[in-house]
Amino acid sequence: MKSIILFISLLFSALSVFADTPSLEANQIVTPHEIFVGDTVFVQYVFRTPVDIFADSENTDGEFSLRSDFPIFASTVESENCTIKKITLTHTGLDYNLTITFVPWKPGVFAFREFDIQDILYYSGLSKSQKKKCTMKIAGVSVLSVSEKMHATLLQPPAAPILVPGTIYIVYALIAGAVLFLTAICFMLAHIKQVVSALKRLQVIMGYGRNARRAIKRAKKLLKNEEQSDCAFCAELQEITRAYLAYRFDRPFATYDTRELEAIFAEISDKTKVFAKKMRIEELIVLFKRTDYIRYAQGSLDSRLLPPSKHDAALLDGERAELAQTLCNAISFLERGGE
């Protein structure tokens, strides 16, 4: 009789324990479908329970971040099996969604130990109660090795990295430069005649610039030689001017005498309507006439006429600088296109 009473009491105790345990409807979703070492894994433990696990806290429906250093998860981290990145709990009415984001570091079946949801809520400061409410049993997750992902069955020899870290932008720049270079080559081949003509024109223009700079440099250097006679100065100044004009107008100015130069300059003047350009050409004609007089009039009857300032076969004070400046001004004006 006593044994029957004891059995009945134990039966009622067991029933009372099961009555206190809430019914739990759970479903587990794991992404991605195939998991390899080093992948980021999302385990969603979706469950429904009539027990409000936030009943003793001020929290309402919404998403809550839980501490990833919860002892059960921390023990897994210490064993170097995985790294827990984030844990969240979403609460909507009677529905809950516990999401664990982690990265596995070892192949095999990976599983978390059982834990009660109330423990992690209390540990995260989201609940004031430690009363057990819902026990979580997360199913194991199969983690594959990298060799399975690459379908490699044999060990491969060590290889150098394909790209040095931080050089990807340099590679992109080189690719873009190569594309632009090939595009330019194709364009040049398609317009070869225009390209050759443009290159020749560019070469001529650059030659004009070198010719002008060389003439101005020689004129300034000549002006610094004060020991040179007036006759020698005028001869060298003419030689500088003739060399410049010969390249600039593609004519043999070195072989023309002054009378022929006048005809050539007159022809050049007639081809332009710019008054300032005509004036510069007239100044060059005057320069040639004046330097010719200094060179060839010494001892002549004209050089003895009065007043000496106008007829003496010698340069006046400051006239050297004036002649050199006349040449430099004409060169600068002609190189600007006579504008």
C-alpha atoms as a PDB file:
ATOM      1  CA  MET A   1       0.000   0.000   0.000  1.00  0.00           C
ATOM      2  CA  LYS A   2       2.817   2.367   0.921  1.00  0.00           C
ATOM      3  CA  SER A   3       4.627   1.566  -2.314  1.00  0.00           C
ATOM      4  CA  ILE A   4       1.521   2.443  -4.340  1.00  0.00           C
ATOM      5  CA  ILE A   5       1.188   5.786  -2.554  1.00  0.00           C
ATOM      6  CA  LEU A   6       4.889   6.512  -3.163  1.00  0.00           C
ATOM      7  CA  PHE A   7       4.525   5.713  -6.882  1.00  0.00           C
ATOM      8  CA  ILE A   8       1.507   8.001  -7.219  1.00  0.00           C
ATOM      9  CA  SER A   9       3.335  10.863  -5.474  1.00  0.00           C
ATOM     10  CA  LEU A  10       6.363  10.480  -7.753  1.00  0.00           C
ATOM     11  CA  LEU A  11       4.085  10.457 -10.789  1.00  0.00           C
ATOM     12  CA  PHE A  12       2.424  13.709  -9.711  1.00  0.00           C
ATOM     13  CA  SER A  13       5.852  15.277  -9.048  1.00  0.00           C
ATOM     14  CA  ALA A  14       7.032  14.422 -12.537  1.00  0.00           C
ATOM     15  CA  LEU A  15       3.863  15.784 -14.040  1.00  0.00           C
ATOM     16  CA  SER A  16       4.277  19.012 -12.074  1.00  0.00           C
ATOM     17  CA  VAL A  17       7.850  19.378 -13.368  1.00  0.00           C
ATOM     18  CA  PHE A  18       6.730  18.903 -16.996  1.00  0.00           C
ATOM     19  CA  ALA A  19       3.883  21.307 -16.391  1.00  0.00           C
ATOM     20  CA  ASP A  20       6.380  23.990 -15.301  1.00  0.00           C
ATOM     21  CA  THR A  21       8.505  23.450 -18.433  1.00  0.00           C
ATOM     22  CA  PRO A  22       7.105  25.620 -21.279  1.00  0.00           C
ATOM     23  CA  SER A  23       6.339  24.017 -24.604  1.00  0.00           C
ATOM     24  CA  LEU A  24       8.927  25.141 -27.217  1.00  0.00           C
ATOM     25  CA  GLU A  25       8.397  25.078 -30.978  1.00  0.00           C
ATOM     26  CA  ALA A  26      11.812  25.588 -32.618  1.00  0.00           C
ATOM     27  CA  ASN A  27      13.282  25.602 -36.100  1.00  0.00           C
ATOM     28  CA  GLN A  28      16.900  26.112 -37.123  1.00  0.00           C
ATOM     29  CA  ILE A  29      18.103  27.814 -40.308  1.00  0.00           C
ATOM     30  CA  VAL A  30      21.787  27.819 -41.304  1.00  0.00           C
ATOM     31  CA  THR A  31      23.330  29.927 -44.088  1.00  0.00           C
ATOM     32  CA  PRO A  32      25.216  29.426 -46.308  1.00  0.00           C
ATOM     33  CA  HIS A  33      24.175  25.974 -47.407  1.00  0.00           C
ATOM     34  CA  GLU A  34      27.758  24.705 -47.728  1.00  0.00           C
ATOM     35  CA  ILE A  35      30.105  25.923 -45.012  1.00  0.00           C
ATOM     36  CA  PHE A  36      33.888  25.922 -45.308  1.00  0.00           C
ATOM     37  CA  VAL A  37      36.615  26.905 -42.892  1.00  0.00           C
ATOM     38  CA  GLY A  38      36.842  30.707 -42.714  1.00  0.00           C
ATOM     39  CA  ASP A  39      33.294  31.374 -43.977  1.00  0.00           C
ATOM     40  CA  THR A  40      30.918  33.644 -42.079  1.00  0.00           C
ATOM     41  CA  VAL A  41      28.048  31.480 -40.819  1.00  0.00           C
ATOM     42  CA  PHE A  42      24.577  32.631 -39.723  1.00  0.00           C
ATOM     43  CA  VAL A  43      22.637  30.257 -37.449  1.00  0.00           C
ATOM     44  CA  GLN A  44      19.034  31.374 -36.875  1.00  0.00           C
ATOM     45  CA  TYR A  45      17.273  29.552 -34.044  1.00  0.00           C
ATOM     46  CA  VAL A  46      13.615  30.476 -34.517  1.00  0.00           C
ATOM     47  CA  PHE A  47      11.337  29.433 -31.667  1.00  0.00           C
ATOM     48  CA  ARG A  48       7.867  30.144 -30.337  1.00  0.00           C
ATOM     49  CA  THR A  49       6.905  29.909 -26.663  1.00  0.00           C
ATOM     50  CA  PRO A  50       3.946  31.113 -24.613  1.00  0.00           C
ATOM     51  CA  VAL A  51       6.363  32.188 -21.893  1.00  0.00           C
ATOM     52  CA  ASP A  52       7.353  35.867 -22.087  1.00  0.00           C
ATOM     53  CA  ILE A  53      11.065  35.710 -21.375  1.00  0.00           C
ATOM     54  CA  PHE A  54      11.134  39.507 -21.047  1.00  0.00           C
ATOM     55  CA  ALA A  55       8.303  39.565 -18.474  1.00  0.00           C
ATOM     56  CA  ASP A  56      10.547  40.752 -15.651  1.00  0.00           C
ATOM     57  CA  SER A  57      12.341  43.449 -17.696  1.00  0.00           C
ATOM     58  CA  GLU A  58      11.450  46.769 -19.247  1.00  0.00           C
ATOM     59  CA  ASN A  59      12.311  45.611 -22.788  1.00  0.00           C
ATOM     60  CA  THR A  60       9.586  45.501 -25.463  1.00  0.00           C
ATOM     61  CA  ASP A  61       9.389  43.932 -28.879  1.00  0.00           C
ATOM     62  CA  GLY A  62      12.413  44.548 -31.105  1.00  0.00           C
ATOM     63  CA  GLU A  63      15.979  43.398 -31.788  1.00  0.00           C
ATOM     64  CA  PHE A  64      18.502  43.132 -28.965  1.00  0.00           C
ATOM     65  CA  SER A  65      22.267  42.548 -29.084  1.00  0.00           C
ATOM     66  CA  LEU A  66      23.560  39.881 -26.702  1.00  0.00           C
ATOM     67  CA  ARG A  67      27.082  39.575 -25.362  1.00  0.00           C
ATOM     68  CA  SER A  68      29.227  37.282 -27.474  1.00  0.00           C
ATOM     69  CA  ASP A  69      31.522  36.487 -24.528  1.00  0.00           C
ATOM     70  CA  PHE A  70      28.822  34.392 -22.836  1.00  0.00           C
ATOM     71  CA  PRO A  71      30.724  31.550 -21.031  1.00  0.00           C
ATOM     72  CA  ILE A  72      29.352  28.807 -23.266  1.00  0.00           C
ATOM     73  CA  PHE A  73      30.460  30.676 -26.388  1.00  0.00           C
ATOM     74  CA  ALA A  74      33.679  31.871 -24.772  1.00  0.00           C
ATOM     75  CA  SER A  75      34.692  28.301 -24.046  1.00  0.00           C
ATOM     76  CA  THR A  76      34.290  27.529 -27.731  1.00  0.00           C
ATOM     77  CA  VAL A  77      36.435  30.527 -28.651  1.00  0.00           C
ATOM     78  CA  GLU A  78      39.116  29.429 -26.195  1.00  0.00           C
ATOM     79  CA  SER A  79      39.290  26.048 -27.909  1.00  0.00           C
ATOM     80  CA  GLU A  80      40.039  27.963 -31.167  1.00  0.00           C
ATOM     81  CA  ASN A  81      37.168  26.295 -32.979  1.00  0.00           C
ATOM     82  CA  CYS A  82      35.461  29.508 -34.024  1.00  0.00           C
ATOM     83  CA  THR A  83      35.121  33.249 -33.519  1.00  0.00           C
ATOM     84  CA  ILE A  84      31.741  34.579 -32.403  1.00  0.00           C
ATOM     85  CA  LYS A  85      31.146  37.840 -34.233  1.00  0.00           C
ATOM     86  CA  LYS A  86      27.603  38.774 -33.202  1.00  0.00           C
ATOM     87  CA  ILE A  87      24.542  37.462 -31.306  1.00  0.00           C
ATOM     88  CA  THR A  88      21.108  39.044 -31.657  1.00  0.00           C
ATOM     89  CA  LEU A  89      17.636  38.185 -30.354  1.00  0.00           C
ATOM     90  CA  THR A  90      14.549  39.429 -32.171  1.00  0.00           C
ATOM     91  CA  HIS A  91      11.269  39.418 -30.211  1.00  0.00           C
ATOM     92  CA  THR A  92       7.832  39.831 -31.794  1.00  0.00           C
ATOM     93  CA  GLY A  93       4.898  38.739 -29.629  1.00  0.00           C
ATOM     94  CA  LEU A  94       5.399  35.023 -28.890  1.00  0.00           C
ATOM     95  CA  ASP A  95       7.975  34.601 -31.678  1.00  0.00           C
ATOM     96  CA  TYR A  96      11.709  34.797 -31.086  1.00  0.00           C
ATOM     97  CA  ASN A  97      14.672  34.609 -33.444  1.00  0.00           C
ATOM     98  CA  LEU A  98      18.120  33.993 -31.948  1.00  0.00           C
ATOM     99  CA  THR A  99      20.827  34.643 -34.574  1.00  0.00           C
ATOM    100  CA  ILE A 100      24.443  33.634 -33.950  1.00  0.00           C
ATOM    101  CA  THR A 101      27.045  34.905 -36.427  1.00  0.00           C
ATOM    102  CA  PHE A 102      30.401  33.136 -36.250  1.00  0.00           C
ATOM    103  CA  VAL A 103      33.425  32.027 -38.296  1.00  0.00           C
ATOM    104  CA  PRO A 104      34.559  28.386 -37.930  1.00  0.00           C
ATOM    105  CA  TRP A 105      38.278  27.645 -38.009  1.00  0.00           C
ATOM    106  CA  LYS A 106      38.287  23.845 -38.011  1.00  0.00           C
ATOM    107  CA  PRO A 107      36.526  21.311 -40.249  1.00  0.00           C
ATOM    108  CA  GLY A 108      34.076  18.806 -38.832  1.00  0.00           C
ATOM    109  CA  VAL A 109      30.712  18.921 -37.073  1.00  0.00           C
ATOM    110  CA  PHE A 110      30.538  22.104 -35.029  1.00  0.00           C
ATOM    111  CA  ALA A 111      27.987  22.333 -32.175  1.00  0.00           C
ATOM    112  CA  PHE A 112      27.259  24.632 -29.235  1.00  0.00           C
ATOM    113  CA  ARG A 113      26.446  23.256 -25.781  1.00  0.00           C
ATOM    114  CA  GLU A 114      22.918  23.518 -24.424  1.00  0.00           C
ATOM    115  CA  PHE A 115      22.067  26.747 -22.641  1.00  0.00           C
ATOM    116  CA  ASP A 116      19.013  28.510 -21.285  1.00  0.00           C
ATOM    117  CA  ILE A 117      17.949  31.699 -22.983  1.00  0.00           C
ATOM    118  CA  GLN A 118      17.409  33.305 -19.583  1.00  0.00           C
ATOM    119  CA  ASP A 119      21.086  32.852 -18.684  1.00  0.00           C
ATOM    120  CA  ILE A 120      22.378  34.812 -21.669  1.00  0.00           C
ATOM    121  CA  LEU A 121      19.703  37.502 -21.210  1.00  0.00           C
ATOM    122  CA  TYR A 122      20.744  37.935 -17.581  1.00  0.00           C
ATOM    123  CA  TYR A 123      24.440  37.921 -18.564  1.00  0.00           C
ATOM    124  CA  SER A 124      23.754  40.591 -21.221  1.00  0.00           C
ATOM    125  CA  GLY A 125      21.838  42.795 -18.766  1.00  0.00           C
ATOM    126  CA  LEU A 126      18.504  42.407 -20.565  1.00  0.00           C
ATOM    127  CA  SER A 127      16.751  40.545 -17.724  1.00  0.00           C
ATOM    128  CA  LYS A 128      16.839  40.763 -13.916  1.00  0.00           C
ATOM    129  CA  SER A 129      15.781  37.178 -13.337  1.00  0.00           C
ATOM    130  CA  GLN A 130      17.879  33.995 -13.454  1.00  0.00           C
ATOM    131  CA  LYS A 131      14.885  31.675 -13.489  1.00  0.00           C
ATOM    132  CA  LYS A 132      15.210  29.031 -16.193  1.00  0.00           C
ATOM    133  CA  LYS A 133      12.653  29.403 -18.953  1.00  0.00           C
ATOM    134  CA  CYS A 134      13.722  27.983 -22.336  1.00  0.00           C
ATOM    135  CA  THR A 135      16.550  25.532 -22.954  1.00  0.00           C
ATOM    136  CA  MET A 136      18.252  25.949 -26.342  1.00  0.00           C
ATOM    137  CA  LYS A 137      19.671  22.950 -28.152  1.00  0.00           C
ATOM    138  CA  ILE A 138      21.350  24.157 -31.354  1.00  0.00           C
ATOM    139  CA  ALA A 139      21.934  21.361 -33.841  1.00  0.00           C
ATOM    140  CA  GLY A 140      25.461  20.708 -35.101  1.00  0.00           C
ATOM    141  CA  VAL A 141      26.787  22.487 -38.195  1.00  0.00           C
ATOM    142  CA  SER A 142      28.935  20.604 -40.693  1.00  0.00           C
ATOM    143  CA  VAL A 143      32.085  22.536 -41.628  1.00  0.00           C
ATOM    144  CA  LEU A 144      34.097  21.459 -44.678  1.00  0.00           C
ATOM    145  CA  SER A 145      37.803  22.020 -45.239  1.00  0.00           C
ATOM    146  CA  VAL A 146      39.264  24.338 -47.875  1.00  0.00           C
ATOM    147  CA  SER A 147      40.653  21.328 -49.765  1.00  0.00           C
ATOM    148  CA  GLU A 148      37.105  20.023 -50.180  1.00  0.00           C
ATOM    149  CA  LYS A 149      36.063  23.430 -51.463  1.00  0.00           C
ATOM    150  CA  MET A 150      38.862  23.418 -54.047  1.00  0.00           C
ATOM    151  CA  HIS A 151      38.365  19.704 -54.812  1.00  0.00           C
ATOM    152  CA  ALA A 152      42.061  19.151 -54.081  1.00  0.00           C
ATOM    153  CA  THR A 153      43.163  15.668 -53.070  1.00  0.00           C
ATOM    154  CA  LEU A 154      46.938  16.210 -52.995  1.00  0.00           C
ATOM    155  CA  LEU A 155      49.114  18.673 -51.120  1.00  0.00           C
ATOM    156  CA  GLN A 156      50.192  21.584 -53.304  1.00  0.00           C
ATOM    157  CA  PRO A 157      53.678  23.152 -53.175  1.00  0.00           C
ATOM    158  CA  PRO A 158      53.907  26.573 -51.519  1.00  0.00           C
ATOM    159  CA  ALA A 159      53.245  29.470 -53.889  1.00  0.00           C
ATOM    160  CA  ALA A 160      53.926  33.173 -53.687  1.00  0.00           C
ATOM    161  CA  PRO A 161      50.946  35.532 -53.299  1.00  0.00           C
ATOM    162  CA  ILE A 162      49.360  36.604 -56.562  1.00  0.00           C
ATOM    163  CA  LEU A 163      49.155  40.206 -55.406  1.00  0.00           C
ATOM    164  CA  VAL A 164      51.102  42.035 -52.737  1.00  0.00           C
ATOM    165  CA  PRO A 165      48.595  43.499 -50.250  1.00  0.00           C
ATOM    166  CA  GLY A 166      47.716  47.108 -51.062  1.00  0.00           C
ATOM    167  CA  THR A 167      48.767  46.913 -54.738  1.00  0.00           C
ATOM    168  CA  ILE A 168      45.365  46.197 -56.260  1.00  0.00           C
ATOM    169  CA  TYR A 169      44.877  49.893 -57.145  1.00  0.00           C
ATOM    170  CA  ILE A 170      48.253  49.913 -58.908  1.00  0.00           C
ATOM    171  CA  VAL A 171      47.122  46.909 -60.961  1.00  0.00           C
ATOM    172  CA  TYR A 172      43.869  48.695 -61.854  1.00  0.00           C
ATOM    173  CA  ALA A 173      45.840  51.801 -62.878  1.00  0.00           C
ATOM    174  CA  LEU A 174      48.162  49.721 -65.078  1.00  0.00           C
ATOM    175  CA  ILE A 175      45.192  48.032 -66.747  1.00  0.00           C
ATOM    176  CA  ALA A 176      43.518  51.391 -67.387  1.00  0.00           C
ATOM    177  CA  GLY A 177      46.774  52.799 -68.761  1.00  0.00           C
ATOM    178  CA  ALA A 178      47.194  49.804 -71.072  1.00  0.00           C
ATOM    179  CA  VAL A 179      43.629  50.229 -72.374  1.00  0.00           C
ATOM    180  CA  LEU A 180      44.184  53.941 -73.043  1.00  0.00           C
ATOM    181  CA  PHE A 181      47.504  53.202 -74.752  1.00  0.00           C
ATOM    182  CA  LEU A 182      45.942  50.594 -77.051  1.00  0.00           C
ATOM    183  CA  THR A 183      43.070  52.968 -77.809  1.00  0.00           C
ATOM    184  CA  ALA A 184      45.541  55.702 -78.757  1.00  0.00           C
ATOM    185  CA  ILE A 185      47.476  53.291 -80.977  1.00  0.00           C
ATOM    186  CA  CYS A 186      44.275  52.240 -82.789  1.00  0.00           C
ATOM    187  CA  PHE A 187      43.260  55.872 -83.267  1.00  0.00           C
ATOM    188  CA  MET A 188      46.687  56.767 -84.667  1.00  0.00           C
ATOM    189  CA  LEU A 189      46.602  53.849 -87.096  1.00  0.00           C
ATOM    190  CA  ALA A 190      43.131  54.855 -88.276  1.00  0.00           C
ATOM    191  CA  HIS A 191      44.255  58.475 -88.836  1.00  0.00           C
ATOM    192  CA  ILE A 192      47.880  57.890 -89.811  1.00  0.00           C
ATOM    193  CA  LYS A 193      48.045  60.699 -92.404  1.00  0.00           C
ATOM    194  CA  GLN A 194      46.651  63.313 -90.030  1.00  0.00           C
ATOM    195  CA  VAL A 195      48.973  62.115 -87.256  1.00  0.00           C
ATOM    196  CA  VAL A 196      52.074  62.322 -89.474  1.00  0.00           C
ATOM    197  CA  SER A 197      51.061  65.799 -90.646  1.00  0.00           C
ATOM    198  CA  ALA A 198      50.507  66.940 -87.069  1.00  0.00           C
ATOM    199  CA  LEU A 199      53.886  65.538 -85.981  1.00  0.00           C
ATOM    200  CA  LYS A 200      55.646  67.350 -88.814  1.00  0.00           C
ATOM    201  CA  ARG A 201      53.915  70.585 -87.922  1.00  0.00           C
ATOM    202  CA  LEU A 202      54.847  70.132 -84.286  1.00  0.00           C
ATOM    203  CA  GLN A 203      58.453  69.513 -85.294  1.00  0.00           C
ATOM    204  CA  VAL A 204      58.499  72.729 -87.358  1.00  0.00           C
ATOM    205  CA  ILE A 205      56.964  74.762 -84.521  1.00  0.00           C
ATOM    206  CA  MET A 206      59.467  73.389 -82.028  1.00  0.00           C
ATOM    207  CA  GLY A 207      62.240  74.197 -84.513  1.00  0.00           C
ATOM    208  CA  TYR A 208      61.006  77.801 -84.770  1.00  0.00           C
ATOM    209  CA  GLY A 209      61.154  78.100 -81.012  1.00  0.00           C
ATOM    210  CA  ARG A 210      64.709  76.756 -80.823  1.00  0.00           C
ATOM    211  CA  ASN A 211      65.780  79.045 -83.659  1.00  0.00           C
ATOM    212  CA  ALA A 212      64.325  82.132 -81.944  1.00  0.00           C
ATOM    213  CA  ARG A 213      65.840  81.309 -78.533  1.00  0.00           C
ATOM    214  CA  ARG A 214      69.241  80.679 -80.096  1.00  0.00           C
ATOM    215  CA  ALA A 215      69.190  84.037 -81.948  1.00  0.00           C
ATOM    216  CA  ILE A 216      68.146  86.034 -78.864  1.00  0.00           C
ATOM    217  CA  LYS A 217      70.764  84.287 -76.733  1.00  0.00           C
ATOM    218  CA  ARG A 218      73.506  85.096 -79.275  1.00  0.00           C
ATOM    219  CA  ALA A 219      72.397  88.749 -79.497  1.00  0.00           C
ATOM    220  CA  LYS A 220      72.549  89.178 -75.730  1.00  0.00           C
ATOM    221  CA  LYS A 221      75.938  87.491 -75.561  1.00  0.00           C
ATOM    222  CA  LEU A 222      77.232  89.762 -78.358  1.00  0.00           C
ATOM    223  CA  LEU A 223      76.053  92.832 -76.455  1.00  0.00           C
ATOM    224  CA  LYS A 224      78.191  91.877 -73.453  1.00  0.00           C
ATOM    225  CA  ASN A 225      81.411  91.877 -75.522  1.00  0.00           C
ATOM    226  CA  GLU A 226      82.355  95.565 -75.130  1.00  0.00           C
ATOM    227  CA  GLU A 227      85.907  95.123 -76.447  1.00  0.00           C
ATOM    228  CA  GLN A 228      84.672  94.225 -79.922  1.00  0.00           C
ATOM    229  CA  SER A 229      84.944  96.909 -82.607  1.00  0.00           C
ATOM    230  CA  ASP A 230      81.850  98.540 -84.084  1.00  0.00           C
ATOM    231  CA  CYS A 231      82.575  96.962 -87.456  1.00  0.00           C
ATOM    232  CA  ALA A 232      82.910  93.453 -85.994  1.00  0.00           C
ATOM    233  CA  PHE A 233      79.799  93.981 -83.857  1.00  0.00           C
ATOM    234  CA  CYS A 234      77.706  94.968 -86.859  1.00  0.00           C
ATOM    235  CA  ALA A 235      78.994  92.039 -88.937  1.00  0.00           C
ATOM    236  CA  GLU A 236      78.152  89.482 -86.250  1.00  0.00           C
ATOM    237  CA  LEU A 237      74.752  91.068 -85.544  1.00  0.00           C
ATOM    238  CA  GLN A 238      73.918  90.761 -89.257  1.00  0.00           C
ATOM    239  CA  GLU A 239      75.043  87.140 -89.275  1.00  0.00           C
ATOM    240  CA  ILE A 240      72.747  86.364 -86.298  1.00  0.00           C
ATOM    241  CA  THR A 241      69.821  88.122 -88.006  1.00  0.00           C
ATOM    242  CA  ARG A 242      70.364  86.387 -91.352  1.00  0.00           C
ATOM    243  CA  ALA A 243      70.596  82.940 -89.701  1.00  0.00           C
ATOM    244  CA  TYR A 244      67.319  83.518 -87.858  1.00  0.00           C
ATOM    245  CA  LEU A 245      65.470  84.787 -90.929  1.00  0.00           C
ATOM    246  CA  ALA A 246      66.779  81.967 -93.133  1.00  0.00           C
ATOM    247  CA  TYR A 247      65.228  79.313 -90.859  1.00  0.00           C
ATOM    248  CA  ARG A 248      62.093  81.326 -90.082  1.00  0.00           C
ATOM    249  CA  PHE A 249      61.127  82.048 -93.711  1.00  0.00           C
ATOM    250  CA  ASP A 250      62.978  79.129 -95.380  1.00  0.00           C
ATOM    251  CA  ARG A 251      64.985  81.398 -97.676  1.00  0.00           C
ATOM    252  CA  PRO A 252      68.754  81.837 -98.208  1.00  0.00           C
ATOM    253  CA  PHE A 253      69.050  85.154 -96.355  1.00  0.00           C
ATOM    254  CA  ALA A 254      72.764  84.517 -95.835  1.00  0.00           C
ATOM    255  CA  THR A 255      73.435  85.061 -99.570  1.00  0.00           C
ATOM    256  CA  TYR A 256      71.288  88.184-100.072  1.00  0.00           C
ATOM    257  CA  ASP A 257      72.837  91.648-100.085  1.00  0.00           C
ATOM    258  CA  THR A 258      70.977  94.576 -98.558  1.00  0.00           C
ATOM    259  CA  ARG A 259      69.284  95.618-101.825  1.00  0.00           C
ATOM    260  CA  GLU A 260      67.977  92.089-102.355  1.00  0.00           C
ATOM    261  CA  LEU A 261      66.856  91.968 -98.715  1.00  0.00           C
ATOM    262  CA  GLU A 262      64.739  95.052 -99.292  1.00  0.00           C
ATOM    263  CA  ALA A 263      62.906  93.255-102.103  1.00  0.00           C
ATOM    264  CA  ILE A 264      62.410  90.119-100.006  1.00  0.00           C
ATOM    265  CA  PHE A 265      61.135  92.150 -97.032  1.00  0.00           C
ATOM    266  CA  ALA A 266      58.832  94.093 -99.335  1.00  0.00           C
ATOM    267  CA  GLU A 267      57.361  90.808-100.580  1.00  0.00           C
ATOM    268  CA  ILE A 268      56.865  89.589 -96.977  1.00  0.00           C
ATOM    269  CA  SER A 269      55.276  92.920 -96.016  1.00  0.00           C
ATOM    270  CA  ASP A 270      52.802  92.736 -98.902  1.00  0.00           C
ATOM    271  CA  LYS A 271      51.558  89.358 -97.653  1.00  0.00           C
ATOM    272  CA  THR A 272      50.477  90.736 -94.290  1.00  0.00           C
ATOM    273  CA  LYS A 273      47.802  93.257 -93.411  1.00  0.00           C
ATOM    274  CA  VAL A 274      49.013  93.717 -89.837  1.00  0.00           C
ATOM    275  CA  PHE A 275      50.509  97.175 -89.500  1.00  0.00           C
ATOM    276  CA  ALA A 276      52.654  96.247 -86.505  1.00  0.00           C
ATOM    277  CA  LYS A 277      54.267  93.412 -88.423  1.00  0.00           C
ATOM    278  CA  LYS A 278      55.113  95.731 -91.282  1.00  0.00           C
ATOM    279  CA  MET A 279      56.721  98.097 -88.793  1.00  0.00           C
ATOM    280  CA  ARG A 280      58.914  95.330 -87.374  1.00  0.00           C
ATOM    281  CA  ILE A 281      60.062  94.375 -90.872  1.00  0.00           C
ATOM    282  CA  GLU A 282      60.862  98.033 -91.619  1.00  0.00           C
ATOM    283  CA  GLU A 283      62.936  98.135 -88.435  1.00  0.00           C
ATOM    284  CA  LEU A 284      64.922  95.117 -89.643  1.00  0.00           C
ATOM    285  CA  ILE A 285      65.580  96.870 -92.984  1.00  0.00           C
ATOM    286  CA  VAL A 286      66.854  99.920 -91.100  1.00  0.00           C
ATOM    287  CA  LEU A 287      69.044  97.612 -88.974  1.00  0.00           C
ATOM    288  CA  PHE A 288      70.667  96.118 -92.081  1.00  0.00           C
ATOM    289  CA  LYS A 289      71.242  99.533 -93.662  1.00  0.00           C
ATOM    290  CA  ARG A 290      72.767 100.973 -90.495  1.00  0.00           C
ATOM    291  CA  THR A 291      75.089  98.011 -89.890  1.00  0.00           C
ATOM    292  CA  ASP A 292      76.141  98.031 -93.576  1.00  0.00           C
ATOM    293  CA  TYR A 293      77.050 101.721 -93.300  1.00  0.00           C
ATOM    294  CA  ILE A 294      79.180 101.111 -90.193  1.00  0.00           C
ATOM    295  CA  ARG A 295      80.937  98.196 -91.885  1.00  0.00           C
ATOM    296  CA  TYR A 296      81.664  99.742 -95.311  1.00  0.00           C
ATOM    297  CA  ALA A 297      81.617 103.548 -94.957  1.00  0.00           C
ATOM    298  CA  GLN A 298      84.830 103.955 -92.958  1.00  0.00           C
ATOM    299  CA  GLY A 299      87.155 106.383 -94.781  1.00  0.00           C
ATOM    300  CA  SER A 300      84.546 107.236 -97.401  1.00  0.00           C
ATOM    301  CA  LEU A 301      83.496 110.775 -98.348  1.00  0.00           C
ATOM    302  CA  ASP A 302      80.074 110.264 -96.757  1.00  0.00           C
ATOM    303  CA  SER A 303      81.672 109.514 -93.397  1.00  0.00           C
ATOM    304  CA  ARG A 304      83.362 112.957 -93.446  1.00  0.00           C
ATOM    305  CA  LEU A 305      80.200 114.937 -93.931  1.00  0.00           C
ATOM    306  CA  LEU A 306      78.791 117.096 -91.191  1.00  0.00           C
ATOM    307  CA  PRO A 307      77.404 116.672 -88.658  1.00  0.00           C
ATOM    308  CA  PRO A 308      79.602 113.729 -87.554  1.00  0.00           C
ATOM    309  CA  SER A 309      76.780 112.289 -85.398  1.00  0.00           C
ATOM    310  CA  LYS A 310      74.876 111.415 -88.583  1.00  0.00           C
ATOM    311  CA  HIS A 311      77.679 110.542 -90.978  1.00  0.00           C
ATOM    312  CA  ASP A 312      80.538 109.144 -88.899  1.00  0.00           C
ATOM    313  CA  ALA A 313      81.041 105.366 -89.543  1.00  0.00           C
ATOM    314  CA  ALA A 314      80.885 104.547 -85.838  1.00  0.00           C
ATOM    315  CA  LEU A 315      78.075 103.559 -83.476  1.00  0.00           C
ATOM    316  CA  LEU A 316      76.729 106.176 -81.088  1.00  0.00           C
ATOM    317  CA  ASP A 317      76.537 105.733 -77.344  1.00  0.00           C
ATOM    318  CA  GLY A 318      73.885 103.150 -76.523  1.00  0.00           C
ATOM    319  CA  GLU A 319      73.333 102.281 -80.188  1.00  0.00           C
ATOM    320  CA  ARG A 320      74.628  98.719 -79.745  1.00  0.00           C
ATOM    321  CA  ALA A 321      71.957  97.966 -77.172  1.00  0.00           C
ATOM    322  CA  GLU A 322      69.349  99.657 -79.375  1.00  0.00           C
ATOM    323  CA  LEU A 323      70.233  97.498 -82.406  1.00  0.00           C
ATOM    324  CA  ALA A 324      70.291  94.278 -80.379  1.00  0.00           C
ATOM    325  CA  GLN A 325      66.939  95.163 -78.809  1.00  0.00           C
ATOM    326  CA  THR A 326      65.473  95.873 -82.254  1.00  0.00           C
ATOM    327  CA  LEU A 327      66.406  92.359 -83.333  1.00  0.00           C
ATOM    328  CA  CYS A 328      65.013  90.748 -80.146  1.00  0.00           C
ATOM    329  CA  ASN A 329      61.733  92.677 -80.447  1.00  0.00           C
ATOM    330  CA  ALA A 330      61.307  91.625 -84.080  1.00  0.00           C
ATOM    331  CA  ILE A 331      61.993  87.980 -83.243  1.00  0.00           C
ATOM    332  CA  SER A 332      59.515  87.954 -80.341  1.00  0.00           C
ATOM    333  CA  PHE A 333      56.854  89.602 -82.488  1.00  0.00           C
ATOM    334  CA  LEU A 334      57.284  87.230 -85.441  1.00  0.00           C
ATOM    335  CA  GLU A 335      57.177  84.157 -83.166  1.00  0.00           C
ATOM    336  CA  ARG A 336      53.849  85.308 -81.736  1.00  0.00           C
ATOM    337  CA  GLY A 337      52.406  85.155 -85.215  1.00  0.00           C
ATOM    338  CA  GLY A 338      52.657  88.873 -85.894  1.00  0.00           C
ATOM    339  CA  GLU A 339      49.687  89.695 -83.663  1.00  0.00           C
END
